Amino acid sequence: PLSSKPDYSSIHGPFGPLIDRFLLTLFRTKLSSRLSKKKHPTEVAIPDARHPSHDYGAIIELTHTMNSQYCNRTAVQSIAQDVLISLFPSLILDRYPSWFARPFPKFSSQMCAFATVAFGTWLMGECSVNDIPLKRQGVLVKRCRFLEESQCASICVNSCKIPTQNFFRENMGLGLTMTPDYETGECQFAFGVLPSEEEERQARETPCLRRCPSGGGMRSWHDGSSQTDEWLEDLNRLALERGSSCMFMDNLE
C-alpha cells in the first residue's frame, strides 16, 4: 500500500550501493549545473540545493524548484531532457541511432532495458526487466521512488515521463512509452514502442494526487490557470509544517 513507504536505502542496483551513490551524485551535479545556467533569455538561474551531494532530497528539491519556476511545461520538459543528454558521451548519442537502434531495434530495446535497471534503480527504486507485447522489452518499476518522493503527478509527467520518452526517441533513435500507475506507484517502460496521442493526452490530464503537496497547484501552474503566489505560499506553508528545508518561492523574483 502507498501508506507504507519502502526502505529505499536498502534497494540497490546490480552494481551495489557505491555505484548507486556515484550515479546519484553525478545526476544531481548535472541537474544543478543545467539549472544554474540560462541557455535562453526567458530561463531562470536556479541555485543548487542545500542537501549533501549524495542526498536524494537534493534532486527532489531541485526538481520542485524547477517546476515552480516555469509555467510552461514544455520548458520543464526541455530542461529535463538536457540533463539526460548531459549524462551520455556524445559518441554514444551520435552513433547509437544508426549503429544499433535502427538496424537492431529488438536488440536495442533489450540493451536499454537492462541498462535502465543497472543504472536507474537508485532513482526509481526496485525494478526488473520484463517482456511486453510485440516482442519488445520492458522494465517494470514496482514502486517509483521519484513519484513517491515528489508526490506530484505533474512533476512525474513533465520532469520524467515526457522528457525521458523524448530523449530516447530523439537522441537514441528508439521509441519508449512510460505508463505510470498513480494508484500503485508502478511504472511500465516499453522500449521500441512510441506513445499514442491518446496516451499522451491522458498523461497530461491525469488528476492530481490527493497527497500532492501543492494541492493541485503545480498542474494549474503548468496549465497557465493558476495564481502563482497563492499556491506557492500554500506550498511553502506545508513545507514548514512538515519540517522540510525545501522552499519554493526563494527564486521567483
Protein backbone atom coordinates (compact mmCIF):
# COMPACT_ATOMS: atom_id res chain seq x y z
CA PRO A 1 0.00 0.00 0.00
CA LEU A 2 1.11 3.56 -0.68
CA SER A 3 0.69 4.36 3.00
CA SER A 4 3.75 2.24 3.81
CA LYS A 5 6.91 3.65 2.27
CA PRO A 6 9.66 1.20 1.23
CA ASP A 7 13.13 1.49 2.72
CA TYR A 8 14.79 2.82 -0.42
CA SER A 9 18.19 2.92 1.29
CA SER A 10 18.20 -0.89 1.18
CA ILE A 11 17.31 -1.10 -2.54
CA HIS A 12 20.32 -1.10 -4.85
CA GLY A 13 21.15 -1.74 -8.49
CA PRO A 14 23.18 -4.79 -9.56
CA PHE A 15 26.49 -2.95 -9.14
CA GLY A 16 25.89 -2.18 -5.47
CA PRO A 17 25.47 0.88 -3.23
CA LEU A 18 28.79 2.56 -4.08
CA ILE A 19 27.94 2.77 -7.78
CA ASP A 20 24.41 3.90 -6.93
CA ARG A 21 25.82 6.68 -4.77
CA PHE A 22 28.16 7.74 -7.58
CA LEU A 23 25.28 7.81 -10.07
CA LEU A 24 23.10 9.83 -7.69
CA THR A 25 25.87 12.38 -7.16
CA LEU A 26 26.54 12.57 -10.91
CA PHE A 27 22.88 13.12 -11.72
CA ARG A 28 22.49 15.75 -9.01
CA THR A 29 25.62 17.56 -10.31
CA LYS A 30 24.35 17.55 -13.90
CA LEU A 31 20.89 18.71 -12.83
CA SER A 32 22.28 21.52 -10.68
CA SER A 33 24.67 22.58 -13.44
CA ARG A 34 21.88 22.80 -16.03
CA LEU A 35 19.54 24.71 -13.73
CA SER A 36 22.22 27.24 -12.80
CA LYS A 37 22.71 28.23 -16.45
CA LYS A 38 20.46 30.43 -18.57
CA LYS A 39 20.57 28.96 -22.07
CA HIS A 40 17.77 31.29 -23.15
CA PRO A 41 16.78 34.81 -22.02
CA THR A 42 13.49 33.51 -20.65
CA GLU A 43 15.16 30.97 -18.34
CA VAL A 44 15.79 31.48 -14.65
CA ALA A 45 19.08 30.59 -12.95
CA ILE A 46 18.32 28.25 -10.04
CA PRO A 47 20.95 27.81 -7.29
CA ASP A 48 22.00 24.40 -6.02
CA ALA A 49 20.02 22.58 -3.34
CA ARG A 50 21.08 22.74 0.28
CA HIS A 51 21.30 18.97 0.69
CA PRO A 52 24.60 16.99 0.56
CA SER A 53 25.69 15.91 -2.91
CA HIS A 54 24.67 12.27 -2.33
CA ASP A 55 21.29 13.09 -0.75
CA TYR A 56 18.25 12.08 -2.83
CA GLY A 57 16.40 15.01 -1.33
CA ALA A 58 18.58 17.38 -3.37
CA ILE A 59 17.13 16.00 -6.61
CA ILE A 60 13.58 16.39 -5.30
CA GLU A 61 14.26 19.94 -4.10
CA LEU A 62 15.82 20.99 -7.41
CA THR A 63 13.02 19.36 -9.40
CA HIS A 64 10.30 21.03 -7.34
CA THR A 65 12.03 24.39 -7.68
CA MET A 66 12.40 23.96 -11.44
CA ASN A 67 8.71 23.13 -11.81
CA SER A 68 7.68 26.08 -9.65
CA GLN A 69 9.75 28.49 -11.78
CA TYR A 70 8.30 27.60 -15.18
CA CYS A 71 4.61 27.80 -16.00
CA ASN A 72 5.36 26.43 -19.48
CA ARG A 73 5.51 22.65 -19.19
CA THR A 74 7.50 22.46 -22.45
CA ALA A 75 10.32 24.43 -20.82
CA VAL A 76 10.45 21.97 -17.93
CA GLN A 77 10.49 19.02 -20.33
CA SER A 78 13.29 20.57 -22.41
CA ILE A 79 15.48 21.24 -19.37
CA ALA A 80 14.96 17.71 -18.06
CA GLN A 81 15.89 16.29 -21.47
CA ASP A 82 19.05 18.43 -21.48
CA VAL A 83 20.06 16.81 -18.19
CA LEU A 84 19.63 13.33 -19.66
CA ILE A 85 21.69 14.29 -22.70
CA SER A 86 24.50 15.58 -20.47
CA LEU A 87 24.80 12.17 -18.79
CA PHE A 88 25.86 10.43 -22.01
CA PRO A 89 29.09 10.78 -24.02
CA SER A 90 28.43 12.48 -27.35
CA LEU A 91 29.89 9.46 -29.16
CA ILE A 92 27.08 7.25 -27.89
CA LEU A 93 24.36 9.73 -28.82
CA ASP A 94 25.89 10.31 -32.27
CA ARG A 95 26.29 6.61 -33.12
CA TYR A 96 23.60 4.68 -31.25
CA PRO A 97 20.68 5.51 -33.58
CA SER A 98 22.49 4.46 -36.77
CA TRP A 99 24.59 1.63 -35.33
CA PHE A 100 22.02 -0.03 -33.07
CA ALA A 101 18.53 1.47 -32.76
CA ARG A 102 17.55 1.44 -36.44
CA PRO A 103 19.28 -1.75 -37.69
CA PHE A 104 18.70 -3.78 -34.49
CA PRO A 105 15.54 -2.47 -32.79
CA LYS A 106 14.86 -5.61 -30.72
CA PHE A 107 18.44 -5.89 -29.52
CA SER A 108 18.48 -2.15 -28.77
CA SER A 109 15.31 -2.47 -26.72
CA GLN A 110 16.92 -5.26 -24.70
CA MET A 111 20.12 -3.28 -24.15
CA CYS A 112 18.25 -0.19 -22.99
CA ALA A 113 16.02 -2.22 -20.68
CA PHE A 114 18.97 -3.87 -18.94
CA ALA A 115 20.86 -0.55 -18.77
CA THR A 116 17.81 1.13 -17.20
CA VAL A 117 17.72 -1.43 -14.40
CA ALA A 118 21.50 -1.38 -13.94
CA PHE A 119 21.87 2.39 -13.81
CA GLY A 120 18.42 3.61 -12.81
CA THR A 121 17.46 1.59 -9.74
CA TRP A 122 18.89 4.26 -7.42
CA LEU A 123 16.49 6.80 -8.97
CA MET A 124 13.34 4.71 -9.40
CA GLY A 125 13.53 2.04 -6.71
CA GLU A 126 13.09 -1.70 -7.23
CA CYS A 127 12.64 -2.61 -10.90
CA SER A 128 13.11 -5.55 -13.23
CA VAL A 129 13.25 -6.36 -16.94
CA ASN A 130 10.06 -7.87 -18.30
CA ASP A 131 8.57 -8.87 -21.65
CA ILE A 132 5.87 -6.81 -23.33
CA PRO A 133 3.71 -7.46 -26.43
CA LEU A 134 5.13 -7.19 -29.96
CA LYS A 135 8.32 -8.95 -28.80
CA ARG A 136 9.71 -5.81 -27.25
CA GLN A 137 11.50 -5.41 -23.95
CA GLY A 138 10.21 -3.56 -20.95
CA VAL A 139 11.12 -2.54 -17.43
CA LEU A 140 8.63 -2.69 -14.58
CA VAL A 141 9.25 -0.23 -11.76
CA LYS A 142 7.47 -1.74 -8.79
CA ARG A 143 7.14 1.42 -6.72
CA CYS A 144 8.66 4.55 -8.26
CA ARG A 145 10.78 6.42 -5.75
CA PHE A 146 10.79 9.64 -7.79
CA LEU A 147 6.99 9.70 -7.91
CA GLU A 148 6.69 8.86 -4.24
CA GLU A 149 9.19 11.49 -3.12
CA SER A 150 7.85 14.25 -5.39
CA GLN A 151 4.21 13.28 -4.67
CA CYS A 152 3.14 15.17 -7.77
CA ALA A 153 1.66 13.79 -10.99
CA SER A 154 2.53 16.96 -12.93
CA ILE A 155 6.19 16.69 -11.92
CA CYS A 156 6.16 13.00 -12.86
CA VAL A 157 4.80 13.75 -16.33
CA ASN A 158 6.82 16.86 -17.15
CA SER A 159 10.12 16.11 -15.40
CA CYS A 160 10.36 12.38 -16.05
CA LYS A 161 7.88 10.67 -18.36
CA ILE A 162 7.77 13.02 -21.36
CA PRO A 163 11.43 14.17 -21.34
CA THR A 164 12.64 10.56 -20.98
CA GLN A 165 10.44 9.44 -23.87
CA ASN A 166 11.66 12.38 -25.95
CA PHE A 167 15.28 11.60 -25.10
CA PHE A 168 15.06 8.01 -26.29
CA ARG A 169 13.14 8.92 -29.44
CA GLU A 170 15.15 11.99 -30.46
CA ASN A 171 18.62 11.23 -29.09
CA MET A 172 18.80 7.44 -29.01
CA GLY A 173 16.60 6.72 -32.03
CA LEU A 174 14.44 4.30 -30.04
CA GLY A 175 10.79 4.58 -29.14
CA LEU A 176 9.78 4.46 -25.49
CA THR A 177 6.42 4.55 -23.76
CA MET A 178 6.27 5.02 -19.99
CA THR A 179 2.99 4.23 -18.27
CA PRO A 180 2.86 5.26 -14.60
CA ASP A 181 0.14 3.92 -12.34
CA TYR A 182 -0.66 6.62 -9.81
CA GLU A 183 -2.71 4.25 -7.66
CA THR A 184 0.02 1.64 -7.11
CA GLY A 185 3.16 3.68 -7.84
CA GLU A 186 4.20 1.26 -10.59
CA CYS A 187 5.60 2.42 -13.91
CA GLN A 188 5.89 0.25 -17.02
CA PHE A 189 8.61 1.09 -19.56
CA ALA A 190 8.03 -0.25 -23.07
CA PHE A 191 11.13 0.15 -25.25
CA GLY A 192 10.65 0.21 -29.01
CA VAL A 193 7.06 1.44 -28.65
CA LEU A 194 6.04 5.03 -29.36
CA PRO A 195 3.27 6.52 -27.22
CA SER A 196 -0.01 7.27 -28.94
CA GLU A 197 -1.53 10.74 -28.95
CA GLU A 198 -4.34 9.45 -26.75
CA GLU A 199 -1.88 8.10 -24.18
CA GLU A 200 -0.06 11.42 -24.04
CA ARG A 201 -3.31 13.34 -23.72
CA GLN A 202 -4.36 11.13 -20.83
CA ALA A 203 -0.96 11.63 -19.17
CA ARG A 204 -1.30 15.41 -19.37
CA GLU A 205 -4.83 15.23 -17.95
CA THR A 206 -4.02 12.87 -15.09
CA PRO A 207 -5.84 14.08 -11.96
CA CYS A 208 -3.59 15.46 -9.25
CA LEU A 209 -2.68 13.09 -6.45
CA ARG A 210 -4.55 13.57 -3.19
CA ARG A 211 -1.19 13.63 -1.38
CA CYS A 212 0.31 16.27 -3.72
CA PRO A 213 1.99 18.97 -1.57
CA SER A 214 0.85 21.71 -3.95
CA GLY A 215 -2.78 20.67 -3.67
CA GLY A 216 -3.08 20.56 -7.47
CA GLY A 217 -1.41 23.94 -7.89
CA MET A 218 1.55 22.61 -9.84
CA ARG A 219 -0.67 21.27 -12.62
CA SER A 220 -2.69 24.50 -12.72
CA TRP A 221 0.57 26.46 -12.85
CA HIS A 222 1.79 24.41 -15.82
CA ASP A 223 -1.58 24.83 -17.49
CA GLY A 224 -1.36 28.60 -17.05
CA SER A 225 -4.56 28.65 -14.99
CA SER A 226 -3.13 29.37 -11.54
CA GLN A 227 -2.39 32.44 -9.47
CA THR A 228 1.26 31.72 -8.71
CA ASP A 229 1.68 33.49 -5.39
CA GLU A 230 -1.37 31.90 -3.80
CA TRP A 231 -0.48 28.25 -4.25
CA LEU A 232 3.26 28.75 -3.77
CA GLU A 233 2.55 30.37 -0.41
CA ASP A 234 0.45 27.31 0.49
CA LEU A 235 3.26 25.04 -0.67
CA ASN A 236 5.81 26.85 1.47
CA ARG A 237 3.50 26.70 4.46
CA LEU A 238 3.14 22.94 4.03
CA ALA A 239 6.92 22.59 3.77
CA LEU A 240 7.38 24.47 7.04
CA GLU A 241 4.71 22.43 8.78
CA ARG A 242 6.46 19.22 7.71
CA GLY A 243 9.90 20.44 8.73
CA SER A 244 11.16 20.44 5.16
CA SER A 245 14.12 22.59 4.12
CA CYS A 246 12.71 22.88 0.62
CA MET A 247 11.27 26.32 -0.07
CA PHE A 248 9.84 27.14 -3.46
CA MET A 249 9.48 30.92 -3.51
CA ASP A 250 13.11 31.78 -2.86
CA ASN A 251 13.88 32.43 -6.52
CA LEU A 252 10.66 33.73 -8.01
CA GLU A 253 11.81 37.29 -8.37
